Amino acid sequence: MKLEQTALEVLEFGDSSDDTFYCLVDRRMCPDGLDVERMRLTDPRNFDQQFRDLGCLVMLTGVELEELIQRGEVQKETLHEDLFLVCKREGLLT
């Protein structure tokens, strides 16, 4: 997978960093981005599956992302590229 085949989407469902999700999305499966309205109608028990079905490759909370920033693995200015590289390095993407 190439960087250009992915997009980084930020979804906010509340005011807390636990309510903010950073999603690396496969643009081949979801060229127009995640359909948040469709996801809101999903049964909460199937929420994770809905993300996968829509092409979400990796989903991090704001807290998890801040941890990666503090460890120096990603930077806010280059978040999409850095997160993509971390996922490649960790074997989450091929």
N, C-alpha and C. Protein backbone atom coordinates (compact mmCIF):
# COMPACT_ATOMS: atom_id res chain seq x y z
N MET A 1 0.85 -1.18 0.00
CA MET A 1 0.00 0.00 0.00
C MET A 1 0.89 1.23 0.00
N LYS A 2 0.44 2.25 -0.71
CA LYS A 2 1.19 3.51 -0.80
C LYS A 2 0.47 4.60 -0.02
N LEU A 3 1.23 5.59 0.41
CA LEU A 3 0.69 6.71 1.17
C LEU A 3 -0.47 7.36 0.44
N GLU A 4 -0.36 7.52 -0.88
CA GLU A 4 -1.39 8.19 -1.67
C GLU A 4 -2.71 7.42 -1.68
N GLN A 5 -2.66 6.15 -1.31
CA GLN A 5 -3.86 5.32 -1.29
C GLN A 5 -4.58 5.42 0.05
N THR A 6 -4.05 6.27 0.94
CA THR A 6 -4.65 6.43 2.26
C THR A 6 -5.01 7.89 2.51
N ALA A 7 -5.84 8.09 3.49
CA ALA A 7 -6.19 9.43 3.95
C ALA A 7 -6.27 9.38 5.48
N LEU A 8 -6.05 10.50 6.11
CA LEU A 8 -6.21 10.58 7.56
C LEU A 8 -7.46 11.39 7.84
N GLU A 9 -8.37 10.79 8.58
CA GLU A 9 -9.61 11.48 8.94
C GLU A 9 -9.69 11.60 10.45
N VAL A 10 -10.16 12.75 10.89
CA VAL A 10 -10.33 13.02 12.32
C VAL A 10 -11.82 13.10 12.59
N LEU A 11 -12.28 12.25 13.49
CA LEU A 11 -13.70 12.22 13.85
C LEU A 11 -13.84 12.59 15.31
N GLU A 12 -14.70 13.56 15.58
CA GLU A 12 -14.91 14.01 16.95
C GLU A 12 -16.35 13.71 17.34
N PHE A 13 -16.50 12.96 18.43
CA PHE A 13 -17.82 12.59 18.92
C PHE A 13 -18.12 13.24 20.26
N GLY A 14 -17.21 14.05 20.77
CA GLY A 14 -17.38 14.71 22.05
C GLY A 14 -16.26 15.70 22.28
N ASP A 15 -16.14 16.17 23.51
CA ASP A 15 -15.15 17.19 23.83
C ASP A 15 -13.83 16.64 24.35
N SER A 16 -13.83 15.40 24.79
CA SER A 16 -12.65 14.79 25.38
C SER A 16 -11.74 14.21 24.30
N SER A 17 -10.44 14.10 24.61
CA SER A 17 -9.53 13.48 23.64
C SER A 17 -9.85 12.01 23.45
N ASP A 18 -10.55 11.41 24.42
CA ASP A 18 -11.02 10.02 24.25
C ASP A 18 -12.15 9.95 23.23
N ASP A 19 -12.78 11.08 22.93
CA ASP A 19 -13.90 11.13 21.99
C ASP A 19 -13.46 11.56 20.59
N THR A 20 -12.15 11.73 20.40
CA THR A 20 -11.60 12.10 19.10
C THR A 20 -10.85 10.90 18.56
N PHE A 21 -11.16 10.53 17.32
CA PHE A 21 -10.54 9.37 16.71
C PHE A 21 -9.80 9.78 15.44
N TYR A 22 -8.60 9.28 15.30
CA TYR A 22 -7.77 9.52 14.13
C TYR A 22 -7.75 8.22 13.34
N CYS A 23 -8.29 8.27 12.13
CA CYS A 23 -8.48 7.06 11.33
C CYS A 23 -7.64 7.14 10.06
N LEU A 24 -6.80 6.15 9.86
CA LEU A 24 -6.11 5.99 8.60
C LEU A 24 -7.02 5.16 7.72
N VAL A 25 -7.43 5.72 6.60
CA VAL A 25 -8.48 5.13 5.76
C VAL A 25 -7.92 4.72 4.40
N ASP A 26 -8.33 3.57 3.93
CA ASP A 26 -7.98 3.08 2.61
C ASP A 26 -8.87 3.81 1.59
N ARG A 27 -8.27 4.68 0.82
CA ARG A 27 -9.04 5.47 -0.15
C ARG A 27 -9.58 4.62 -1.30
N ARG A 28 -9.01 3.45 -1.50
CA ARG A 28 -9.52 2.56 -2.55
C ARG A 28 -10.89 2.03 -2.16
N MET A 29 -11.11 1.80 -0.87
CA MET A 29 -12.40 1.31 -0.38
C MET A 29 -13.37 2.45 -0.09
N CYS A 30 -12.82 3.59 0.25
CA CYS A 30 -13.64 4.71 0.73
C CYS A 30 -13.11 6.01 0.12
N PRO A 31 -13.26 6.20 -1.19
CA PRO A 31 -12.67 7.36 -1.85
C PRO A 31 -13.22 8.71 -1.37
N ASP A 32 -14.43 8.73 -0.86
CA ASP A 32 -15.04 9.98 -0.41
C ASP A 32 -14.92 10.19 1.09
N GLY A 33 -14.19 9.33 1.76
CA GLY A 33 -14.05 9.44 3.21
C GLY A 33 -15.11 8.63 3.94
N LEU A 34 -14.93 8.54 5.24
CA LEU A 34 -15.86 7.78 6.07
C LEU A 34 -17.23 8.46 6.11
N ASP A 35 -18.27 7.69 6.01
CA ASP A 35 -19.65 8.20 6.07
C ASP A 35 -20.09 8.24 7.53
N VAL A 36 -19.83 9.36 8.18
CA VAL A 36 -20.10 9.50 9.61
C VAL A 36 -21.59 9.36 9.91
N GLU A 37 -22.42 9.90 9.07
CA GLU A 37 -23.87 9.79 9.30
C GLU A 37 -24.33 8.34 9.28
N ARG A 38 -23.80 7.56 8.36
CA ARG A 38 -24.13 6.13 8.29
C ARG A 38 -23.64 5.42 9.55
N MET A 39 -22.45 5.80 10.01
CA MET A 39 -21.88 5.17 11.19
C MET A 39 -22.68 5.50 12.45
N ARG A 40 -23.26 6.68 12.50
CA ARG A 40 -24.06 7.06 13.67
C ARG A 40 -25.30 6.18 13.83
N LEU A 41 -25.78 5.62 12.74
CA LEU A 41 -26.96 4.76 12.76
C LEU A 41 -26.63 3.31 13.11
N THR A 42 -25.33 3.02 13.18
CA THR A 42 -24.89 1.65 13.43
C THR A 42 -25.11 1.27 14.89
N ASP A 43 -25.48 0.05 15.07
CA ASP A 43 -25.59 -0.53 16.41
C ASP A 43 -24.22 -0.41 17.09
N PRO A 44 -24.14 0.18 18.28
CA PRO A 44 -22.84 0.35 18.95
C PRO A 44 -22.04 -0.94 19.09
N ARG A 45 -22.70 -2.06 19.13
CA ARG A 45 -22.01 -3.35 19.23
C ARG A 45 -21.26 -3.68 17.95
N ASN A 46 -21.65 -3.05 16.83
CA ASN A 46 -21.03 -3.31 15.53
C ASN A 46 -20.17 -2.14 15.05
N PHE A 47 -19.89 -1.21 15.94
CA PHE A 47 -19.19 0.02 15.57
C PHE A 47 -17.82 -0.27 14.95
N ASP A 48 -17.02 -1.11 15.59
CA ASP A 48 -15.69 -1.43 15.06
C ASP A 48 -15.78 -2.11 13.70
N GLN A 49 -16.73 -3.00 13.54
CA GLN A 49 -16.89 -3.69 12.26
C GLN A 49 -17.27 -2.70 11.16
N GLN A 50 -18.11 -1.73 11.50
CA GLN A 50 -18.50 -0.70 10.53
C GLN A 50 -17.28 0.07 10.05
N PHE A 51 -16.39 0.43 10.97
CA PHE A 51 -15.15 1.12 10.58
C PHE A 51 -14.35 0.26 9.61
N ARG A 52 -14.18 -1.02 9.91
CA ARG A 52 -13.41 -1.90 9.02
C ARG A 52 -14.09 -2.02 7.66
N ASP A 53 -15.41 -2.17 7.65
CA ASP A 53 -16.14 -2.31 6.39
C ASP A 53 -16.00 -1.08 5.51
N LEU A 54 -15.84 0.08 6.12
CA LEU A 54 -15.72 1.33 5.36
C LEU A 54 -14.28 1.65 4.97
N GLY A 55 -13.34 0.77 5.33
CA GLY A 55 -11.96 0.98 4.88
C GLY A 55 -11.03 1.57 5.92
N CYS A 56 -11.44 1.61 7.17
CA CYS A 56 -10.57 2.13 8.21
C CYS A 56 -9.48 1.10 8.49
N LEU A 57 -8.23 1.50 8.30
CA LEU A 57 -7.11 0.61 8.49
C LEU A 57 -6.61 0.62 9.94
N VAL A 58 -6.57 1.81 10.52
CA VAL A 58 -6.10 2.00 11.90
C VAL A 58 -6.92 3.12 12.51
N MET A 59 -7.30 2.93 13.77
CA MET A 59 -8.04 3.97 14.47
C MET A 59 -7.38 4.18 15.83
N LEU A 60 -7.01 5.43 16.10
CA LEU A 60 -6.40 5.79 17.38
C LEU A 60 -7.24 6.86 18.05
N THR A 61 -7.29 6.82 19.38
CA THR A 61 -7.92 7.91 20.11
C THR A 61 -6.92 9.05 20.22
N GLY A 62 -7.41 10.21 20.61
CA GLY A 62 -6.53 11.35 20.83
C GLY A 62 -5.47 11.06 21.87
N VAL A 63 -5.81 10.30 22.89
CA VAL A 63 -4.86 9.93 23.94
C VAL A 63 -3.74 9.07 23.36
N GLU A 64 -4.11 8.10 22.54
CA GLU A 64 -3.11 7.23 21.91
C GLU A 64 -2.20 8.02 20.98
N LEU A 65 -2.79 8.94 20.24
CA LEU A 65 -2.01 9.75 19.33
C LEU A 65 -1.04 10.65 20.09
N GLU A 66 -1.50 11.24 21.18
CA GLU A 66 -0.61 12.08 22.00
C GLU A 66 0.57 11.28 22.52
N GLU A 67 0.35 10.03 22.84
CA GLU A 67 1.45 9.15 23.30
C GLU A 67 2.49 8.98 22.20
N LEU A 68 2.03 8.75 20.97
CA LEU A 68 2.96 8.63 19.84
C LEU A 68 3.72 9.93 19.60
N ILE A 69 3.06 11.06 19.78
CA ILE A 69 3.71 12.36 19.61
C ILE A 69 4.77 12.54 20.70
N GLN A 70 4.42 12.23 21.94
CA GLN A 70 5.37 12.37 23.05
C GLN A 70 6.59 11.47 22.87
N ARG A 71 6.39 10.30 22.29
CA ARG A 71 7.51 9.37 22.06
C ARG A 71 8.32 9.76 20.83
N GLY A 72 7.85 10.78 20.09
CA GLY A 72 8.58 11.25 18.92
C GLY A 72 8.38 10.39 17.68
N GLU A 73 7.36 9.54 17.69
CA GLU A 73 7.11 8.67 16.53
C GLU A 73 6.31 9.37 15.44
N VAL A 74 5.52 10.36 15.81
CA VAL A 74 4.76 11.15 14.84
C VAL A 74 4.82 12.62 15.24
N GLN A 75 4.62 13.48 14.27
CA GLN A 75 4.55 14.92 14.51
C GLN A 75 3.22 15.43 13.97
N LYS A 76 2.67 16.44 14.64
CA LYS A 76 1.38 16.98 14.21
C LYS A 76 1.44 17.53 12.78
N GLU A 77 2.56 18.13 12.41
CA GLU A 77 2.68 18.76 11.09
C GLU A 77 2.67 17.75 9.95
N THR A 78 3.12 16.55 10.22
CA THR A 78 3.21 15.51 9.18
C THR A 78 2.48 14.25 9.64
N LEU A 79 1.37 14.42 10.30
CA LEU A 79 0.66 13.34 10.97
C LEU A 79 0.28 12.20 10.04
N HIS A 80 -0.30 12.51 8.90
CA HIS A 80 -0.73 11.46 7.97
C HIS A 80 0.46 10.59 7.55
N GLU A 81 1.49 11.21 7.06
CA GLU A 81 2.65 10.46 6.59
C GLU A 81 3.31 9.69 7.73
N ASP A 82 3.50 10.34 8.87
CA ASP A 82 4.14 9.69 10.00
C ASP A 82 3.36 8.49 10.49
N LEU A 83 2.04 8.64 10.60
CA LEU A 83 1.21 7.53 11.06
C LEU A 83 1.25 6.38 10.07
N PHE A 84 1.24 6.70 8.79
CA PHE A 84 1.35 5.69 7.74
C PHE A 84 2.66 4.92 7.90
N LEU A 85 3.76 5.64 8.11
CA LEU A 85 5.07 4.99 8.26
C LEU A 85 5.15 4.13 9.51
N VAL A 86 4.56 4.58 10.60
CA VAL A 86 4.52 3.77 11.83
C VAL A 86 3.76 2.47 11.56
N CYS A 87 2.64 2.57 10.89
CA CYS A 87 1.83 1.38 10.58
C CYS A 87 2.59 0.42 9.68
N LYS A 88 3.30 0.93 8.70
CA LYS A 88 4.11 0.09 7.81
C LYS A 88 5.20 -0.61 8.62
N ARG A 89 5.89 0.16 9.44
CA ARG A 89 7.00 -0.38 10.24
C ARG A 89 6.52 -1.48 11.19
N GLU A 90 5.33 -1.29 11.74
CA GLU A 90 4.77 -2.26 12.69
C GLU A 90 4.08 -3.44 12.02
N GLY A 91 4.05 -3.44 10.68
CA GLY A 91 3.47 -4.55 9.95
C GLY A 91 1.95 -4.52 9.85
N LEU A 92 1.35 -3.36 10.15
CA LEU A 92 -0.11 -3.25 10.06
C LEU A 92 -0.58 -3.04 8.63
N LEU A 93 0.32 -2.56 7.77
CA LEU A 93 0.02 -2.34 6.36
C LEU A 93 1.04 -3.07 5.51
N THR A 94 0.61 -3.55 4.36
CA THR A 94 1.54 -4.24 3.49
C THR A 94 1.74 -3.45 2.21
